[in-house]
């Protein structure tokens, strides 16, 4: 499956304009053969917008019709971050929509990032769901989540083949983009697509450096710091060969790891 990810500043405080840009980028990605396009964290609204704006722009999953229409009209999957309305509260969420326009996954960030997440969002996630697209099992994490080994490992043990990670990463956390993402792919024998924001937003500077990594830790594609569409393909045969050659997950010793789950 050919993947694409959009790295860029997006549009701040205008969901309508964000969906219009989504259609433009999705059309370009589909013309280049992509079947799935990933956008950054809080793509629909912007990330560092404050609690009032996050609440104002929050959408229920049922309000994602503009993205569903784009996916259906182009026959491609879309994944992106957005502020999710949960009753009278707001969550930092990401959604996966398939090529028919069906919402397959809705994931809420489980590991809040510093003061920004804690100021804007009331709800954190506890579930790590998977969905099947084109014969591959996909899961979602959001930015800070991938910096911890446990969420990615949990998805891998549940059968994930590809983990999609919308992000809004800032300095001095360049090592996450350069080192942690390939490591998560390698140690879990999964593909990882990491779509970061770029540019500046209300005092935050984003580092870009989005990437798509293979199940052997190989960096298949990596962006710089500017606006960019990035492409790479998954390969089921190569993936299976990696897992046959190194039985990494089967060789785990869960009986030794119980202390890791203690507070």
C-alpha atoms as a PDB file:
ATOM      1  CA  UNK A   1       0.000   0.000   0.000  1.00  0.00           C
ATOM      2  CA  UNK A   2       1.346   3.391  -0.933  1.00  0.00           C
ATOM      3  CA  UNK A   3       1.211   5.853   1.972  1.00  0.00           C
ATOM      4  CA  UNK A   4       1.436   9.617   1.937  1.00  0.00           C
ATOM      5  CA  UNK A   5       1.745  12.077   4.775  1.00  0.00           C
ATOM      6  CA  UNK A   6       1.325  15.822   4.808  1.00  0.00           C
ATOM      7  CA  UNK A   7       3.853  17.873   6.764  1.00  0.00           C
ATOM      8  CA  UNK A   8       2.981  21.534   7.018  1.00  0.00           C
ATOM      9  CA  UNK A   9       1.538  24.371   9.068  1.00  0.00           C
ATOM     10  CA  UNK A  10      -2.011  23.570   8.002  1.00  0.00           C
ATOM     11  CA  UNK A  11      -4.647  26.212   8.738  1.00  0.00           C
ATOM     12  CA  UNK A  12      -5.175  27.676  12.203  1.00  0.00           C
ATOM     13  CA  UNK A  13      -8.606  28.311  13.744  1.00  0.00           C
ATOM     14  CA  UNK A  14     -10.567  27.570  10.569  1.00  0.00           C
ATOM     15  CA  UNK A  15     -11.824  23.992  10.197  1.00  0.00           C
ATOM     16  CA  UNK A  16     -13.528  24.844   6.903  1.00  0.00           C
ATOM     17  CA  UNK A  17     -10.233  26.042   5.422  1.00  0.00           C
ATOM     18  CA  UNK A  18      -8.444  23.000   6.906  1.00  0.00           C
ATOM     19  CA  UNK A  19     -10.866  20.652   5.159  1.00  0.00           C
ATOM     20  CA  UNK A  20     -10.401  22.591   1.902  1.00  0.00           C
ATOM     21  CA  UNK A  21      -6.619  22.177   2.198  1.00  0.00           C
ATOM     22  CA  UNK A  22      -7.166  18.504   3.032  1.00  0.00           C
ATOM     23  CA  UNK A  23      -8.994  18.039  -0.260  1.00  0.00           C
ATOM     24  CA  UNK A  24      -6.176  19.741  -2.179  1.00  0.00           C
ATOM     25  CA  UNK A  25      -3.460  17.613  -0.571  1.00  0.00           C
ATOM     26  CA  UNK A  26      -5.512  14.418  -0.824  1.00  0.00           C
ATOM     27  CA  UNK A  27      -6.101  15.028  -4.527  1.00  0.00           C
ATOM     28  CA  UNK A  28      -2.363  15.489  -5.051  1.00  0.00           C
ATOM     29  CA  UNK A  29      -1.512  12.405  -3.009  1.00  0.00           C
ATOM     30  CA  UNK A  30      -4.077  10.267  -4.848  1.00  0.00           C
ATOM     31  CA  UNK A  31      -2.714  11.452  -8.196  1.00  0.00           C
ATOM     32  CA  UNK A  32       0.661  10.106  -7.048  1.00  0.00           C
ATOM     33  CA  UNK A  33      -0.816   6.708  -6.260  1.00  0.00           C
ATOM     34  CA  UNK A  34      -1.329   6.998  -2.493  1.00  0.00           C
ATOM     35  CA  UNK A  35      -4.145   4.993  -0.942  1.00  0.00           C
ATOM     36  CA  UNK A  36      -3.848   6.518   2.538  1.00  0.00           C
ATOM     37  CA  UNK A  37      -2.907  10.055   3.607  1.00  0.00           C
ATOM     38  CA  UNK A  38      -1.904  11.045   7.142  1.00  0.00           C
ATOM     39  CA  UNK A  39      -2.075  14.600   8.525  1.00  0.00           C
ATOM     40  CA  UNK A  40      -0.547  16.035  11.765  1.00  0.00           C
ATOM     41  CA  UNK A  41      -1.910  16.320  15.291  1.00  0.00           C
ATOM     42  CA  UNK A  42      -4.900  18.663  15.719  1.00  0.00           C
ATOM     43  CA  UNK A  43      -4.850  19.240  11.964  1.00  0.00           C
ATOM     44  CA  UNK A  44      -8.434  20.481  11.774  1.00  0.00           C
ATOM     45  CA  UNK A  45      -7.961  23.408  14.176  1.00  0.00           C
ATOM     46  CA  UNK A  46      -4.264  23.925  14.826  1.00  0.00           C
ATOM     47  CA  UNK A  47      -2.544  22.661  17.961  1.00  0.00           C
ATOM     48  CA  UNK A  48      -1.455  25.562  20.182  1.00  0.00           C
ATOM     49  CA  UNK A  49      -4.780  27.412  20.098  1.00  0.00           C
ATOM     50  CA  UNK A  50      -5.775  27.476  23.776  1.00  0.00           C
ATOM     51  CA  UNK A  51      -8.677  25.922  25.647  1.00  0.00           C
ATOM     52  CA  UNK A  52     -11.364  28.348  24.453  1.00  0.00           C
ATOM     53  CA  UNK A  53     -10.578  27.827  20.762  1.00  0.00           C
ATOM     54  CA  UNK A  54     -10.185  24.063  21.195  1.00  0.00           C
ATOM     55  CA  UNK A  55     -13.654  23.935  22.714  1.00  0.00           C
ATOM     56  CA  UNK A  56     -15.077  26.196  20.006  1.00  0.00           C
ATOM     57  CA  UNK A  57     -13.679  24.059  17.177  1.00  0.00           C
ATOM     58  CA  UNK A  58     -14.346  20.678  18.817  1.00  0.00           C
ATOM     59  CA  UNK A  59     -16.200  18.204  16.626  1.00  0.00           C
ATOM     60  CA  UNK A  60     -18.013  14.980  17.338  1.00  0.00           C
ATOM     61  CA  UNK A  61     -16.984  12.092  15.064  1.00  0.00           C
ATOM     62  CA  UNK A  62     -20.356  12.529  13.355  1.00  0.00           C
ATOM     63  CA  UNK A  63     -19.256  16.064  12.332  1.00  0.00           C
ATOM     64  CA  UNK A  64     -16.383  14.799  10.187  1.00  0.00           C
ATOM     65  CA  UNK A  65     -18.561  14.592   7.069  1.00  0.00           C
ATOM     66  CA  UNK A  66     -16.299  16.926   4.993  1.00  0.00           C
ATOM     67  CA  UNK A  67     -13.380  14.524   5.408  1.00  0.00           C
ATOM     68  CA  UNK A  68     -15.596  11.492   4.791  1.00  0.00           C
ATOM     69  CA  UNK A  69     -16.783  13.054   1.532  1.00  0.00           C
ATOM     70  CA  UNK A  70     -13.182  13.690   0.425  1.00  0.00           C
ATOM     71  CA  UNK A  71     -12.176  10.114   1.206  1.00  0.00           C
ATOM     72  CA  UNK A  72     -15.149   8.656  -0.630  1.00  0.00           C
ATOM     73  CA  UNK A  73     -14.819  10.894  -3.687  1.00  0.00           C
ATOM     74  CA  UNK A  74     -11.106  10.102  -4.098  1.00  0.00           C
ATOM     75  CA  UNK A  75     -11.302   6.468  -3.034  1.00  0.00           C
ATOM     76  CA  UNK A  76      -8.538   6.810  -0.454  1.00  0.00           C
ATOM     77  CA  UNK A  77      -8.134   6.618   3.312  1.00  0.00           C
ATOM     78  CA  UNK A  78      -7.504   9.671   5.492  1.00  0.00           C
ATOM     79  CA  UNK A  79      -6.137   9.963   9.025  1.00  0.00           C
ATOM     80  CA  UNK A  80      -5.784  13.218  10.959  1.00  0.00           C
ATOM     81  CA  UNK A  81      -5.885  14.857  14.354  1.00  0.00           C
ATOM     82  CA  UNK A  82      -8.739  17.012  15.610  1.00  0.00           C
ATOM     83  CA  UNK A  83     -10.305  18.309  18.858  1.00  0.00           C
ATOM     84  CA  UNK A  84     -13.072  15.848  19.702  1.00  0.00           C
ATOM     85  CA  UNK A  85     -16.199  16.926  21.556  1.00  0.00           C
ATOM     86  CA  UNK A  86     -16.957  14.385  24.295  1.00  0.00           C
ATOM     87  CA  UNK A  87     -20.159  15.546  25.942  1.00  0.00           C
ATOM     88  CA  UNK A  88     -19.218  18.926  27.390  1.00  0.00           C
ATOM     89  CA  UNK A  89     -15.515  18.046  27.362  1.00  0.00           C
ATOM     90  CA  UNK A  90     -12.762  17.970  24.724  1.00  0.00           C
ATOM     91  CA  UNK A  91     -10.214  15.307  23.803  1.00  0.00           C
ATOM     92  CA  UNK A  92      -7.097  15.434  21.633  1.00  0.00           C
ATOM     93  CA  UNK A  93      -8.170  12.833  19.075  1.00  0.00           C
ATOM     94  CA  UNK A  94      -7.245  11.264  15.757  1.00  0.00           C
ATOM     95  CA  UNK A  95      -9.506   9.524  13.293  1.00  0.00           C
ATOM     96  CA  UNK A  96      -9.037   6.989  10.488  1.00  0.00           C
ATOM     97  CA  UNK A  97     -11.510   7.105   7.597  1.00  0.00           C
ATOM     98  CA  UNK A  98     -11.439   4.469   4.865  1.00  0.00           C
ATOM     99  CA  UNK A  99     -11.850   4.852   1.100  1.00  0.00           C
ATOM    100  CA  UNK A 100     -15.633   4.443   1.354  1.00  0.00           C
ATOM    101  CA  UNK A 101     -15.866   7.389   3.771  1.00  0.00           C
ATOM    102  CA  UNK A 102     -16.470   5.152   6.799  1.00  0.00           C
ATOM    103  CA  UNK A 103     -14.929   6.117  10.152  1.00  0.00           C
ATOM    104  CA  UNK A 104     -12.944   3.037  11.176  1.00  0.00           C
ATOM    105  CA  UNK A 105     -11.062   4.307  14.225  1.00  0.00           C
ATOM    106  CA  UNK A 106     -11.313   7.181  16.647  1.00  0.00           C
ATOM    107  CA  UNK A 107      -8.401   7.372  19.099  1.00  0.00           C
ATOM    108  CA  UNK A 108      -7.857   9.762  22.028  1.00  0.00           C
ATOM    109  CA  UNK A 109      -4.337  10.751  23.069  1.00  0.00           C
ATOM    110  CA  UNK A 110      -3.348   8.775  26.144  1.00  0.00           C
ATOM    111  CA  UNK A 111      -0.211  10.656  27.248  1.00  0.00           C
ATOM    112  CA  UNK A 112      -0.773  14.432  27.577  1.00  0.00           C
ATOM    113  CA  UNK A 113       2.112  16.665  26.557  1.00  0.00           C
ATOM    114  CA  UNK A 114       3.203  19.299  29.067  1.00  0.00           C
ATOM    115  CA  UNK A 115       1.045  22.311  29.810  1.00  0.00           C
ATOM    116  CA  UNK A 116      -0.442  22.568  26.329  1.00  0.00           C
ATOM    117  CA  UNK A 117      -2.488  19.367  26.404  1.00  0.00           C
ATOM    118  CA  UNK A 118      -3.363  19.747  30.055  1.00  0.00           C
ATOM    119  CA  UNK A 119      -4.753  23.245  29.478  1.00  0.00           C
ATOM    120  CA  UNK A 120      -6.819  22.367  26.406  1.00  0.00           C
ATOM    121  CA  UNK A 121      -8.133  18.851  26.959  1.00  0.00           C
ATOM    122  CA  UNK A 122     -10.279  17.230  29.651  1.00  0.00           C
ATOM    123  CA  UNK A 123     -10.310  13.651  28.371  1.00  0.00           C
ATOM    124  CA  UNK A 124      -7.433  11.217  27.809  1.00  0.00           C
ATOM    125  CA  UNK A 125      -7.633   7.883  26.024  1.00  0.00           C
ATOM    126  CA  UNK A 126      -7.456   4.398  27.518  1.00  0.00           C
ATOM    127  CA  UNK A 127      -8.177   2.242  24.459  1.00  0.00           C
ATOM    128  CA  UNK A 128      -5.845   1.224  21.600  1.00  0.00           C
ATOM    129  CA  UNK A 129      -8.146   0.005  18.831  1.00  0.00           C
ATOM    130  CA  UNK A 130      -7.140  -1.482  15.481  1.00  0.00           C
ATOM    131  CA  UNK A 131      -8.823  -1.519  12.078  1.00  0.00           C
ATOM    132  CA  UNK A 132      -8.066  -3.415   8.883  1.00  0.00           C
ATOM    133  CA  UNK A 133      -7.330  -1.542   5.657  1.00  0.00           C
ATOM    134  CA  UNK A 134      -6.216  -3.355   2.529  1.00  0.00           C
ATOM    135  CA  UNK A 135      -5.464  -6.491   4.507  1.00  0.00           C
ATOM    136  CA  UNK A 136      -3.209  -4.646   6.995  1.00  0.00           C
ATOM    137  CA  UNK A 137      -4.073  -3.874  10.614  1.00  0.00           C
ATOM    138  CA  UNK A 138      -3.680  -0.201  11.504  1.00  0.00           C
ATOM    139  CA  UNK A 139      -3.527   1.595  14.835  1.00  0.00           C
ATOM    140  CA  UNK A 140      -3.264   5.240  15.876  1.00  0.00           C
ATOM    141  CA  UNK A 141      -1.118   7.035  18.443  1.00  0.00           C
ATOM    142  CA  UNK A 142      -0.664  10.799  18.886  1.00  0.00           C
ATOM    143  CA  UNK A 143       2.684  12.588  19.318  1.00  0.00           C
ATOM    144  CA  UNK A 144       3.796  12.056  22.945  1.00  0.00           C
ATOM    145  CA  UNK A 145       2.285   8.558  22.949  1.00  0.00           C
ATOM    146  CA  UNK A 146       5.034   7.242  20.652  1.00  0.00           C
ATOM    147  CA  UNK A 147       7.755   8.451  23.037  1.00  0.00           C
ATOM    148  CA  UNK A 148       6.737   5.713  25.474  1.00  0.00           C
ATOM    149  CA  UNK A 149       7.493   2.127  24.394  1.00  0.00           C
ATOM    150  CA  UNK A 150       4.325   0.636  25.881  1.00  0.00           C
ATOM    151  CA  UNK A 151       1.573   2.041  23.590  1.00  0.00           C
ATOM    152  CA  UNK A 152       3.333   0.961  20.391  1.00  0.00           C
ATOM    153  CA  UNK A 153       4.141  -2.442  21.907  1.00  0.00           C
ATOM    154  CA  UNK A 154       0.520  -2.860  22.944  1.00  0.00           C
ATOM    155  CA  UNK A 155      -0.610  -2.235  19.365  1.00  0.00           C
ATOM    156  CA  UNK A 156       2.047  -4.581  17.983  1.00  0.00           C
ATOM    157  CA  UNK A 157       1.018  -7.397  20.332  1.00  0.00           C
ATOM    158  CA  UNK A 158      -2.591  -6.895  19.207  1.00  0.00           C
ATOM    159  CA  UNK A 159      -1.477  -7.506  15.624  1.00  0.00           C
ATOM    160  CA  UNK A 160      -0.774  -4.038  14.201  1.00  0.00           C
ATOM    161  CA  UNK A 161       1.124  -3.881  10.913  1.00  0.00           C
ATOM    162  CA  UNK A 162       1.185  -0.077  10.660  1.00  0.00           C
ATOM    163  CA  UNK A 163       1.014   2.630  13.326  1.00  0.00           C
ATOM    164  CA  UNK A 164      -0.068   6.111  12.238  1.00  0.00           C
ATOM    165  CA  UNK A 165       1.201   8.969  14.425  1.00  0.00           C
ATOM    166  CA  UNK A 166      -0.080  12.542  13.962  1.00  0.00           C
ATOM    167  CA  UNK A 167       2.314  14.854  15.820  1.00  0.00           C
ATOM    168  CA  UNK A 168       3.048  18.462  16.805  1.00  0.00           C
ATOM    169  CA  UNK A 169       6.680  18.125  17.844  1.00  0.00           C
ATOM    170  CA  UNK A 170       8.835  21.104  18.864  1.00  0.00           C
ATOM    171  CA  UNK A 171      12.502  21.701  19.749  1.00  0.00           C
ATOM    172  CA  UNK A 172      14.463  20.329  21.541  1.00  0.00           C
ATOM    173  CA  UNK A 173      12.806  16.982  20.759  1.00  0.00           C
ATOM    174  CA  UNK A 174      14.460  16.360  17.393  1.00  0.00           C
ATOM    175  CA  UNK A 175      15.807  12.999  18.694  1.00  0.00           C
ATOM    176  CA  UNK A 176      12.230  11.698  18.729  1.00  0.00           C
ATOM    177  CA  UNK A 177      11.937  12.237  14.988  1.00  0.00           C
ATOM    178  CA  UNK A 178      15.451  11.036  14.190  1.00  0.00           C
ATOM    179  CA  UNK A 179      15.862   8.111  16.574  1.00  0.00           C
ATOM    180  CA  UNK A 180      12.706   7.121  18.460  1.00  0.00           C
ATOM    181  CA  UNK A 181      10.480   6.614  15.405  1.00  0.00           C
ATOM    182  CA  UNK A 182      12.866   4.167  13.656  1.00  0.00           C
ATOM    183  CA  UNK A 183      13.414   2.413  16.998  1.00  0.00           C
ATOM    184  CA  UNK A 184       9.681   1.939  17.589  1.00  0.00           C
ATOM    185  CA  UNK A 185       9.330   0.481  14.087  1.00  0.00           C
ATOM    186  CA  UNK A 186      12.286  -1.881  14.608  1.00  0.00           C
ATOM    187  CA  UNK A 187      11.491  -3.094  18.112  1.00  0.00           C
ATOM    188  CA  UNK A 188       7.865  -3.824  17.213  1.00  0.00           C
ATOM    189  CA  UNK A 189       8.451  -4.975  13.618  1.00  0.00           C
ATOM    190  CA  UNK A 190       5.792  -2.595  12.308  1.00  0.00           C
ATOM    191  CA  UNK A 191       5.625   0.238   9.823  1.00  0.00           C
ATOM    192  CA  UNK A 192       5.383   3.643  11.502  1.00  0.00           C
ATOM    193  CA  UNK A 193       4.191   6.809   9.740  1.00  0.00           C
ATOM    194  CA  UNK A 194       4.885   9.991  11.737  1.00  0.00           C
ATOM    195  CA  UNK A 195       3.331  13.224  10.425  1.00  0.00           C
ATOM    196  CA  UNK A 196       4.557  16.334  12.214  1.00  0.00           C
ATOM    197  CA  UNK A 197       3.579  19.974  11.939  1.00  0.00           C
ATOM    198  CA  UNK A 198       6.017  22.564  10.650  1.00  0.00           C
ATOM    199  CA  UNK A 199       6.318  26.342  10.812  1.00  0.00           C
ATOM    200  CA  UNK A 200       5.383  28.519  13.793  1.00  0.00           C
ATOM    201  CA  UNK A 201       2.135  28.783  15.727  1.00  0.00           C
ATOM    202  CA  UNK A 202       1.413  31.165  18.613  1.00  0.00           C
ATOM    203  CA  UNK A 203       4.926  30.932  20.040  1.00  0.00           C
ATOM    204  CA  UNK A 204       5.608  27.280  19.220  1.00  0.00           C
ATOM    205  CA  UNK A 205       8.071  26.329  16.495  1.00  0.00           C
ATOM    206  CA  UNK A 206       7.621  22.883  14.983  1.00  0.00           C
ATOM    207  CA  UNK A 207      10.511  20.742  13.803  1.00  0.00           C
ATOM    208  CA  UNK A 208       9.009  18.897  10.836  1.00  0.00           C
ATOM    209  CA  UNK A 209      11.194  15.818  10.149  1.00  0.00           C
ATOM    210  CA  UNK A 210       8.171  13.626   9.460  1.00  0.00           C
ATOM    211  CA  UNK A 211       8.996  10.091   8.379  1.00  0.00           C
ATOM    212  CA  UNK A 212       7.789   6.686   7.275  1.00  0.00           C
ATOM    213  CA  UNK A 213       9.823   3.799   8.702  1.00  0.00           C
ATOM    214  CA  UNK A 214       9.819   0.105   7.867  1.00  0.00           C
ATOM    215  CA  UNK A 215       9.526  -2.915  10.188  1.00  0.00           C
ATOM    216  CA  UNK A 216      13.311  -3.352  10.105  1.00  0.00           C
ATOM    217  CA  UNK A 217      13.816   0.231  11.313  1.00  0.00           C
ATOM    218  CA  UNK A 218      14.755   1.495   7.856  1.00  0.00           C
ATOM    219  CA  UNK A 219      13.799   5.114   7.171  1.00  0.00           C
ATOM    220  CA  UNK A 220      11.844   4.812   3.927  1.00  0.00           C
ATOM    221  CA  UNK A 221      11.164   8.528   3.585  1.00  0.00           C
ATOM    222  CA  UNK A 222      11.952  11.580   5.724  1.00  0.00           C
ATOM    223  CA  UNK A 223      10.997  15.218   5.346  1.00  0.00           C
ATOM    224  CA  UNK A 224      13.008  18.302   6.168  1.00  0.00           C
ATOM    225  CA  UNK A 225      11.512  21.284   7.976  1.00  0.00           C
ATOM    226  CA  UNK A 226       9.294  22.735   5.256  1.00  0.00           C
ATOM    227  CA  UNK A 227       5.859  21.940   3.875  1.00  0.00           C
ATOM    228  CA  UNK A 228       5.956  18.615   2.061  1.00  0.00           C
ATOM    229  CA  UNK A 229       4.027  15.557   0.914  1.00  0.00           C
ATOM    230  CA  UNK A 230       5.993  12.429   1.748  1.00  0.00           C
ATOM    231  CA  UNK A 231       5.466   9.026   0.102  1.00  0.00           C
ATOM    232  CA  UNK A 232       6.498   5.429   0.821  1.00  0.00           C
ATOM    233  CA  UNK A 233       4.994   1.970   0.322  1.00  0.00           C
ATOM    234  CA  UNK A 234       4.399  -0.908   2.678  1.00  0.00           C
ATOM    235  CA  UNK A 235       5.284  -4.387   1.421  1.00  0.00           C
ATOM    236  CA  UNK A 236       3.468  -7.354   2.965  1.00  0.00           C
ATOM    237  CA  UNK A 237       5.999  -9.906   1.680  1.00  0.00           C
ATOM    238  CA  UNK A 238       8.961  -7.924   3.047  1.00  0.00           C
ATOM    239  CA  UNK A 239       7.117  -7.446   6.327  1.00  0.00           C
ATOM    240  CA  UNK A 240       6.497 -11.178   6.672  1.00  0.00           C
ATOM    241  CA  UNK A 241      10.148 -11.916   5.851  1.00  0.00           C
ATOM    242  CA  UNK A 242      11.325  -9.548   8.595  1.00  0.00           C
ATOM    243  CA  UNK A 243       9.142 -11.304  11.142  1.00  0.00           C
ATOM    244  CA  UNK A 244      10.269 -14.770  10.027  1.00  0.00           C
ATOM    245  CA  UNK A 245      13.943 -13.834  10.137  1.00  0.00           C
ATOM    246  CA  UNK A 246      13.756 -12.372  13.656  1.00  0.00           C
ATOM    247  CA  UNK A 247      11.140 -13.747  16.058  1.00  0.00           C
ATOM    248  CA  UNK A 248      11.503 -10.672  18.221  1.00  0.00           C
ATOM    249  CA  UNK A 249       7.983 -10.498  19.648  1.00  0.00           C
ATOM    250  CA  UNK A 250       7.791 -14.251  20.213  1.00  0.00           C
ATOM    251  CA  UNK A 251      11.087 -14.131  22.118  1.00  0.00           C
ATOM    252  CA  UNK A 252       9.772 -11.718  24.750  1.00  0.00           C
ATOM    253  CA  UNK A 253       9.846 -12.753  28.448  1.00  0.00           C
ATOM    254  CA  UNK A 254       6.606 -11.276  29.858  1.00  0.00           C
ATOM    255  CA  UNK A 255       7.207 -13.101  33.135  1.00  0.00           C
ATOM    256  CA  UNK A 256      10.112 -10.701  33.762  1.00  0.00           C
ATOM    257  CA  UNK A 257       8.244  -7.487  33.029  1.00  0.00           C
ATOM    258  CA  UNK A 258       5.605  -7.240  35.762  1.00  0.00           C
ATOM    259  CA  UNK A 259       7.452  -4.437  37.645  1.00  0.00           C
ATOM    260  CA  UNK A 260       7.142  -2.225  34.569  1.00  0.00           C
ATOM    261  CA  UNK A 261       3.395  -1.932  35.114  1.00  0.00           C
ATOM    262  CA  UNK A 262       3.708  -0.658  38.677  1.00  0.00           C
ATOM    263  CA  UNK A 263       3.184   3.099  39.308  1.00  0.00           C
END
